[in-house]
PDB file of N, CA and C in Angstrom:
ATOM      1  N   MET A   1     162.863  61.197  -4.129  1.00  0.00           N
ATOM      2  CA  MET A   1     163.094  61.575  -2.746  1.00  0.00           C
ATOM      3  C   MET A   1     162.957  63.088  -2.549  1.00  0.00           C
ATOM      4  N   ALA A   2     163.496  63.857  -3.492  1.00  0.00           N
ATOM      5  CA  ALA A   2     163.423  65.314  -3.383  1.00  0.00           C
ATOM      6  C   ALA A   2     161.977  65.798  -3.485  1.00  0.00           C
ATOM      7  N   LEU A   3     161.180  65.080  -4.264  1.00  0.00           N
ATOM      8  CA  LEU A   3     159.776  65.451  -4.402  1.00  0.00           C
ATOM      9  C   LEU A   3     159.038  65.282  -3.077  1.00  0.00           C
ATOM     10  N   TYR A   4     159.314  64.197  -2.361  1.00  0.00           N
ATOM     11  CA  TYR A   4     158.685  63.975  -1.059  1.00  0.00           C
ATOM     12  C   TYR A   4     159.138  65.013  -0.033  1.00  0.00           C
ATOM     13  N   LEU A   5     160.394  65.370  -0.097  1.00  0.00           N
ATOM     14  CA  LEU A   5     160.912  66.392   0.812  1.00  0.00           C
ATOM     15  C   LEU A   5     160.252  67.746   0.529  1.00  0.00           C
ATOM     16  N   LEU A   6     160.107  68.089  -0.738  1.00  0.00           N
ATOM     17  CA  LEU A   6     159.429  69.324  -1.118  1.00  0.00           C
ATOM     18  C   LEU A   6     157.971  69.301  -0.663  1.00  0.00           C
ATOM     19  N   TRP A   7     157.302  68.158  -0.848  1.00  0.00           N
ATOM     20  CA  TRP A   7     155.914  68.013  -0.401  1.00  0.00           C
ATOM     21  C   TRP A   7     155.815  68.196   1.110  1.00  0.00           C
ATOM     22  N   LEU A   8     156.740  67.621   1.854  1.00  0.00           N
ATOM     23  CA  LEU A   8     156.733  67.729   3.317  1.00  0.00           C
ATOM     24  C   LEU A   8     156.922  69.179   3.764  1.00  0.00           C
ATOM     25  N   VAL A   9     157.849  69.874   3.144  1.00  0.00           N
ATOM     26  CA  VAL A   9     158.118  71.267   3.516  1.00  0.00           C
ATOM     27  C   VAL A   9     156.918  72.149   3.187  1.00  0.00           C
ATOM     28  N   THR A  10     156.349  72.003   2.004  1.00  0.00           N
ATOM     29  CA  THR A  10     155.205  72.843   1.634  1.00  0.00           C
ATOM     30  C   THR A  10     153.983  72.534   2.490  1.00  0.00           C
ATOM     31  N   THR A  11     153.777  71.277   2.826  1.00  0.00           N
ATOM     32  CA  THR A  11     152.656  70.912   3.697  1.00  0.00           C
ATOM     33  C   THR A  11     152.851  71.490   5.090  1.00  0.00           C
ATOM     34  N   ALA A  12     154.061  71.409   5.599  1.00  0.00           N
ATOM     35  CA  ALA A  12     154.341  71.967   6.926  1.00  0.00           C
ATOM     36  C   ALA A  12     154.137  73.478   6.934  1.00  0.00           C
ATOM     37  N   LEU A  13     154.584  74.156   5.896  1.00  0.00           N
ATOM     38  CA  LEU A  13     154.377  75.605   5.810  1.00  0.00           C
ATOM     39  C   LEU A  13     152.896  75.957   5.718  1.00  0.00           C
ATOM     40  N   ALA A  14     152.148  75.201   4.939  1.00  0.00           N
ATOM     41  CA  ALA A  14     150.712  75.471   4.802  1.00  0.00           C
ATOM     42  C   ALA A  14     149.991  75.238   6.126  1.00  0.00           C
ATOM     43  N   LEU A  15     150.312  74.164   6.819  1.00  0.00           N
ATOM     44  CA  LEU A  15     149.676  73.885   8.107  1.00  0.00           C
ATOM     45  C   LEU A  15     150.056  74.922   9.157  1.00  0.00           C
ATOM     46  N   THR A  16     151.303  75.337   9.166  1.00  0.00           N
ATOM     47  CA  THR A  16     151.730  76.374  10.111  1.00  0.00           C
ATOM     48  C   THR A  16     150.994  77.680   9.837  1.00  0.00           C
ATOM     49  N   GLY A  17     150.882  78.047   8.590  1.00  0.00           N
ATOM     50  CA  GLY A  17     150.138  79.255   8.234  1.00  0.00           C
ATOM     51  C   GLY A  17     148.678  79.164   8.638  1.00  0.00           C
ATOM     52  N   ALA A  18     148.078  78.001   8.447  1.00  0.00           N
ATOM     53  CA  ALA A  18     146.677  77.820   8.828  1.00  0.00           C
ATOM     54  C   ALA A  18     146.499  77.948  10.335  1.00  0.00           C
ATOM     55  N   TRP A  19     147.414  77.393  11.124  1.00  0.00           N
ATOM     56  CA  TRP A  19     147.329  77.505  12.587  1.00  0.00           C
ATOM     57  C   TRP A  19     147.498  78.951  13.038  1.00  0.00           C
ATOM     58  N   VAL A  20     148.406  79.674  12.414  1.00  0.00           N
ATOM     59  CA  VAL A  20     148.608  81.082  12.773  1.00  0.00           C
ATOM     60  C   VAL A  20     147.343  81.887  12.488  1.00  0.00           C
ATOM     61  N   VAL A  21     146.744  81.665  11.342  1.00  0.00           N
ATOM     62  CA  VAL A  21     145.512  82.375  10.989  1.00  0.00           C
ATOM     63  C   VAL A  21     144.384  81.989  11.936  1.00  0.00           C
ATOM     64  N   LEU A  22     144.277  80.717  12.278  1.00  0.00           N
ATOM     65  CA  LEU A  22     143.239  80.266  13.207  1.00  0.00           C
ATOM     66  C   LEU A  22     143.397  80.922  14.574  1.00  0.00           C
ATOM     67  N   LEU A  23     144.617  80.970  15.084  1.00  0.00           N
ATOM     68  CA  LEU A  23     144.843  81.615  16.379  1.00  0.00           C
ATOM     69  C   LEU A  23     144.525  83.103  16.315  1.00  0.00           C
ATOM     70  N   TYR A  24     144.895  83.756  15.223  1.00  0.00           N
ATOM     71  CA  TYR A  24     144.582  85.175  15.055  1.00  0.00           C
ATOM     72  C   TYR A  24     143.072  85.399  15.043  1.00  0.00           C
ATOM     73  N   LEU A  25     142.348  84.564  14.308  1.00  0.00           N
ATOM     74  CA  LEU A  25     140.896  84.724  14.228  1.00  0.00           C
ATOM     75  C   LEU A  25     140.221  84.460  15.571  1.00  0.00           C
ATOM     76  N   ARG A  26     140.728  83.518  16.343  1.00  0.00           N
ATOM     77  CA  ARG A  26     140.171  83.274  17.678  1.00  0.00           C
ATOM     78  C   ARG A  26     140.378  84.477  18.591  1.00  0.00           C
ATOM     79  N   ARG A  27     141.558  85.058  18.555  1.00  0.00           N
ATOM     80  CA  ARG A  27     141.823  86.246  19.374  1.00  0.00           C
ATOM     81  C   ARG A  27     140.965  87.416  18.913  1.00  0.00           C
ATOM     82  N   ARG A  28     140.807  87.562  17.610  1.00  0.00           N
ATOM     83  CA  ARG A  28     139.977  88.633  17.074  1.00  0.00           C
ATOM     84  C   ARG A  28     138.523  88.446  17.489  1.00  0.00           C
ATOM     85  N   GLU A  29     138.021  87.227  17.451  1.00  0.00           N
ATOM     86  CA  GLU A  29     136.641  86.952  17.848  1.00  0.00           C
ATOM     87  C   GLU A  29     136.434  87.225  19.337  1.00  0.00           C
ATOM     88  N   ALA A  30     137.402  86.861  20.173  1.00  0.00           N
ATOM     89  CA  ALA A  30     137.293  87.142  21.608  1.00  0.00           C
ATOM     90  C   ALA A  30     137.279  88.647  21.858  1.00  0.00           C
ATOM     91  N   TYR A  31     138.111  89.381  21.145  1.00  0.00           N
ATOM     92  CA  TYR A  31     138.128  90.840  21.277  1.00  0.00           C
ATOM     93  C   TYR A  31     136.798  91.436  20.825  1.00  0.00           C
ATOM     94  N   TYR A  32     136.272  90.956  19.720  1.00  0.00           N
ATOM     95  CA  TYR A  32     134.994  91.442  19.202  1.00  0.00           C
ATOM     96  C   TYR A  32     133.864  91.172  20.195  1.00  0.00           C
ATOM     97  N   GLN A  33     133.832  89.979  20.776  1.00  0.00           N
ATOM     98  CA  GLN A  33     132.798  89.653  21.763  1.00  0.00           C
ATOM     99  C   GLN A  33     132.923  90.543  22.992  1.00  0.00           C
ATOM    100  N   SER A  34     134.138  90.855  23.391  1.00  0.00           N
ATOM    101  CA  SER A  34     134.366  91.741  24.530  1.00  0.00           C
ATOM    102  C   SER A  34     133.812  93.134  24.253  1.00  0.00           C
ATOM    103  N   ILE A  35     134.091  93.663  23.078  1.00  0.00           N
ATOM    104  CA  ILE A  35     133.585  94.987  22.705  1.00  0.00           C
ATOM    105  C   ILE A  35     132.060  94.973  22.620  1.00  0.00           C
ATOM    106  N   GLN A  36     131.490  93.907  22.064  1.00  0.00           N
ATOM    107  CA  GLN A  36     130.036  93.813  21.971  1.00  0.00           C
ATOM    108  C   GLN A  36     129.388  93.759  23.351  1.00  0.00           C
ATOM    109  N   ALA A  37     130.010  93.059  24.295  1.00  0.00           N
ATOM    110  CA  ALA A  37     129.472  93.003  25.660  1.00  0.00           C
ATOM    111  C   ALA A  37     129.490  94.381  26.304  1.00  0.00           C
ATOM    112  N   ILE A  38     130.546  95.139  26.060  1.00  0.00           N
ATOM    113  CA  ILE A  38     130.626  96.492  26.619  1.00  0.00           C
ATOM    114  C   ILE A  38     129.566  97.397  25.986  1.00  0.00           C
ATOM    115  N   LEU A  39     129.359  97.268  24.683  1.00  0.00           N
ATOM    116  CA  LEU A  39     128.385  98.122  24.005  1.00  0.00           C
ATOM    117  C   LEU A  39     126.940  97.778  24.373  1.00  0.00           C
ATOM    118  N   ARG A  40     126.655  96.506  24.644  1.00  0.00           N
ATOM    119  CA  ARG A  40     125.298  96.100  24.994  1.00  0.00           C
ATOM    120  C   ARG A  40     124.945  96.372  26.445  1.00  0.00           C
ATOM    121  N   ALA A  41     125.931  96.471  27.316  1.00  0.00           N
ATOM    122  CA  ALA A  41     125.676  96.580  28.756  1.00  0.00           C
ATOM    123  C   ALA A  41     124.791  97.766  29.136  1.00  0.00           C
ATOM    124  N   PRO A  42     125.052  98.979  28.674  1.00  0.00           N
ATOM    125  CA  PRO A  42     124.212 100.100  29.118  1.00  0.00           C
ATOM    126  C   PRO A  42     122.794 100.064  28.562  1.00  0.00           C
ATOM    127  N   LEU A  43     122.552  99.319  27.513  1.00  0.00           N
ATOM    128  CA  LEU A  43     121.232  99.295  26.896  1.00  0.00           C
ATOM    129  C   LEU A  43     120.214  98.507  27.713  1.00  0.00           C
ATOM    130  N   GLU A  44     120.670  97.769  28.723  1.00  0.00           N
ATOM    131  CA  GLU A  44     119.771  96.937  29.510  1.00  0.00           C
ATOM    132  C   GLU A  44     119.020  97.733  30.570  1.00  0.00           C
ATOM    133  N   ILE A  45     119.453  98.944  30.882  1.00  0.00           N
ATOM    134  CA  ILE A  45     118.849  99.756  31.937  1.00  0.00           C
ATOM    135  C   ILE A  45     118.445 101.101  31.335  1.00  0.00           C
ATOM    136  N   ASP A  46     117.323 101.660  31.807  1.00  0.00           N
ATOM    137  CA  ASP A  46     116.793 102.896  31.222  1.00  0.00           C
ATOM    138  C   ASP A  46     117.384 104.171  31.806  1.00  0.00           C
ATOM    139  N   ASP A  47     117.691 104.205  33.101  1.00  0.00           N
ATOM    140  CA  ASP A  47     118.164 105.458  33.705  1.00  0.00           C
ATOM    141  C   ASP A  47     119.664 105.658  33.473  1.00  0.00           C
ATOM    142  N   PHE A  48     120.092 106.919  33.446  1.00  0.00           N
ATOM    143  CA  PHE A  48     121.479 107.254  33.120  1.00  0.00           C
ATOM    144  C   PHE A  48     122.459 106.718  34.160  1.00  0.00           C
ATOM    145  N   ALA A  49     122.130 106.871  35.452  1.00  0.00           N
ATOM    146  CA  ALA A  49     123.036 106.390  36.504  1.00  0.00           C
ATOM    147  C   ALA A  49     123.201 104.875  36.417  1.00  0.00           C
ATOM    148  N   GLY A  50     122.127 104.177  36.143  1.00  0.00           N
ATOM    149  CA  GLY A  50     122.206 102.723  35.987  1.00  0.00           C
ATOM    150  C   GLY A  50     123.020 102.335  34.771  1.00  0.00           C
ATOM    151  N   GLN A  51     122.864 103.096  33.686  1.00  0.00           N
ATOM    152  CA  GLN A  51     123.644 102.825  32.482  1.00  0.00           C
ATOM    153  C   GLN A  51     125.133 103.044  32.732  1.00  0.00           C
ATOM    154  N   ALA A  52     125.458 104.125  33.434  1.00  0.00           N
ATOM    155  CA  ALA A  52     126.864 104.410  33.734  1.00  0.00           C
ATOM    156  C   ALA A  52     127.454 103.319  34.616  1.00  0.00           C
ATOM    157  N   GLN A  53     126.700 102.880  35.622  1.00  0.00           N
ATOM    158  CA  GLN A  53     127.174 101.815  36.514  1.00  0.00           C
ATOM    159  C   GLN A  53     127.362 100.513  35.741  1.00  0.00           C
ATOM    160  N   MET A  54     126.389 100.177  34.888  1.00  0.00           N
ATOM    161  CA  MET A  54     126.468  98.946  34.109  1.00  0.00           C
ATOM    162  C   MET A  54     127.641  98.991  33.134  1.00  0.00           C
ATOM    163  N   LEU A  55     127.879 100.153  32.512  1.00  0.00           N
ATOM    164  CA  LEU A  55     129.003 100.306  31.592  1.00  0.00           C
ATOM    165  C   LEU A  55     130.326 100.156  32.326  1.00  0.00           C
ATOM    166  N   CYS A  56     130.424 100.748  33.508  1.00  0.00           N
ATOM    167  CA  CYS A  56     131.643 100.638  34.310  1.00  0.00           C
ATOM    168  C   CYS A  56     131.909  99.183  34.689  1.00  0.00           C
ATOM    169  N   GLU A  57     130.871  98.477  35.120  1.00  0.00           N
ATOM    170  CA  GLU A  57     131.031  97.067  35.491  1.00  0.00           C
ATOM    171  C   GLU A  57     131.425  96.219  34.287  1.00  0.00           C
ATOM    172  N   ALA A  58     130.811  96.476  33.133  1.00  0.00           N
ATOM    173  CA  ALA A  58     131.140  95.712  31.928  1.00  0.00           C
ATOM    174  C   ALA A  58     132.575  95.972  31.492  1.00  0.00           C
ATOM    175  N   CYS A  59     133.005  97.226  31.536  1.00  0.00           N
ATOM    176  CA  CYS A  59     134.392  97.554  31.163  1.00  0.00           C
ATOM    177  C   CYS A  59     135.385  96.881  32.096  1.00  0.00           C
ATOM    178  N   THR A  60     135.096  96.936  33.390  1.00  0.00           N
ATOM    179  CA  THR A  60     135.990  96.308  34.366  1.00  0.00           C
ATOM    180  C   THR A  60     136.040  94.799  34.157  1.00  0.00           C
ATOM    181  N   ARG A  61     134.888  94.177  33.956  1.00  0.00           N
ATOM    182  CA  ARG A  61     134.816  92.726  33.763  1.00  0.00           C
ATOM    183  C   ARG A  61     135.572  92.305  32.510  1.00  0.00           C
ATOM    184  N   GLU A  62     135.387  93.024  31.412  1.00  0.00           N
ATOM    185  CA  GLU A  62     136.058  92.667  30.163  1.00  0.00           C
ATOM    186  C   GLU A  62     137.557  92.952  30.224  1.00  0.00           C
ATOM    187  N   ALA A  63     137.955  93.987  30.942  1.00  0.00           N
ATOM    188  CA  ALA A  63     139.386  94.269  31.103  1.00  0.00           C
ATOM    189  C   ALA A  63     140.059  93.161  31.894  1.00  0.00           C
ATOM    190  N   VAL A  64     139.408  92.704  32.952  1.00  0.00           N
ATOM    191  CA  VAL A  64     139.965  91.612  33.756  1.00  0.00           C
ATOM    192  C   VAL A  64     140.011  90.329  32.932  1.00  0.00           C
ATOM    193  N   ALA A  65     138.968  90.067  32.149  1.00  0.00           N
ATOM    194  CA  ALA A  65     138.924  88.852  31.333  1.00  0.00           C
ATOM    195  C   ALA A  65     140.018  88.832  30.276  1.00  0.00           C
ATOM    196  N   SER A  66     140.426  90.003  29.794  1.00  0.00           N
ATOM    197  CA  SER A  66     141.468  90.043  28.771  1.00  0.00           C
ATOM    198  C   SER A  66     142.871  90.133  29.363  1.00  0.00           C
ATOM    199  N   GLY A  67     142.974  90.177  30.682  1.00  0.00           N
ATOM    200  CA  GLY A  67     144.279  90.212  31.324  1.00  0.00           C
ATOM    201  C   GLY A  67     144.840  91.602  31.499  1.00  0.00           C
ATOM    202  N   CYS A  68     144.025  92.615  31.315  1.00  0.00           N
ATOM    203  CA  CYS A  68     144.467  93.997  31.488  1.00  0.00           C
ATOM    204  C   CYS A  68     144.039  94.494  32.858  1.00  0.00           C
ATOM    205  N   SER A  69     144.565  95.614  33.239  1.00  0.00           N
ATOM    206  CA  SER A  69     144.133  96.221  34.495  1.00  0.00           C
ATOM    207  C   SER A  69     143.851  97.697  34.260  1.00  0.00           C
ATOM    208  N   LEU A  70     142.778  98.160  34.848  1.00  0.00           N
ATOM    209  CA  LEU A  70     142.373  99.551  34.741  1.00  0.00           C
ATOM    210  C   LEU A  70     142.586 100.173  36.103  1.00  0.00           C
ATOM    211  N   TYR A  71     143.368 101.229  36.154  1.00  0.00           N
ATOM    212  CA  TYR A  71     143.647 101.847  37.444  1.00  0.00           C
ATOM    213  C   TYR A  71     143.380 103.338  37.362  1.00  0.00           C
ATOM    214  N   LEU A  72     142.626 103.834  38.314  1.00  0.00           N
ATOM    215  CA  LEU A  72     142.292 105.246  38.386  1.00  0.00           C
ATOM    216  C   LEU A  72     142.693 105.757  39.752  1.00  0.00           C
ATOM    217  N   GLN A  73     143.364 106.884  39.783  1.00  0.00           N
ATOM    218  CA  GLN A  73     143.783 107.483  41.044  1.00  0.00           C
ATOM    219  C   GLN A  73     143.404 108.954  41.019  1.00  0.00           C
ATOM    220  N   PRO A  74     142.815 109.450  42.098  1.00  0.00           N
ATOM    221  CA  PRO A  74     142.423 110.862  42.119  1.00  0.00           C
ATOM    222  C   PRO A  74     143.635 111.786  42.210  1.00  0.00           C
ATOM    223  N   GLY A  75     143.435 113.023  41.815  1.00  0.00           N
ATOM    224  CA  GLY A  75     144.518 114.003  41.902  1.00  0.00           C
ATOM    225  C   GLY A  75     145.405 113.959  40.683  1.00  0.00           C
ATOM    226  N   GLU A  76     146.635 114.372  40.875  1.00  0.00           N
ATOM    227  CA  GLU A  76     147.575 114.441  39.758  1.00  0.00           C
ATOM    228  C   GLU A  76     148.449 113.201  39.654  1.00  0.00           C
ATOM    229  N   GLN A  77     148.067 112.155  40.360  1.00  0.00           N
ATOM    230  CA  GLN A  77     148.848 110.925  40.283  1.00  0.00           C
ATOM    231  C   GLN A  77     148.551 110.212  38.967  1.00  0.00           C
ATOM    232  N   GLU A  78     149.347 109.215  38.710  1.00  0.00           N
ATOM    233  CA  GLU A  78     149.232 108.480  37.455  1.00  0.00           C
ATOM    234  C   GLU A  78     147.921 107.695  37.411  1.00  0.00           C
ATOM    235  N   SER A  79     147.268 107.713  36.264  1.00  0.00           N
ATOM    236  CA  SER A  79     146.092 106.877  36.048  1.00  0.00           C
ATOM    237  C   SER A  79     146.092 106.451  34.594  1.00  0.00           C
ATOM    238  N   GLY A  80     145.413 105.370  34.292  1.00  0.00           N
ATOM    239  CA  GLY A  80     145.387 104.925  32.909  1.00  0.00           C
ATOM    240  C   GLY A  80     145.015 103.477  32.769  1.00  0.00           C
ATOM    241  N   PHE A  81     145.506 102.869  31.707  1.00  0.00           N
ATOM    242  CA  PHE A  81     145.148 101.507  31.320  1.00  0.00           C
ATOM    243  C   PHE A  81     146.416 100.729  31.030  1.00  0.00           C
ATOM    244  N   ARG A  82     146.533  99.555  31.601  1.00  0.00           N
ATOM    245  CA  ARG A  82     147.694  98.687  31.346  1.00  0.00           C
ATOM    246  C   ARG A  82     147.233  97.350  30.822  1.00  0.00           C
TER     247      ARG A  82
END
């Protein structure tokens, strides 16, 4: 009986560890894809103004997709990333 209980506990720990690693890798892959989308965005257009606009749009899109918000305010008011 104790052997089965030990087997159950070790199996549960191994499965829990595997799920934690899987969730971590999924989040890491989503973050990596987000960064890659931002890095590829300006390369699609040749002129500097177009590249800057495309980079801004890609950053905004990826920030919204990850649940963050980017806020910029002119002057000495607070601005930054949340």
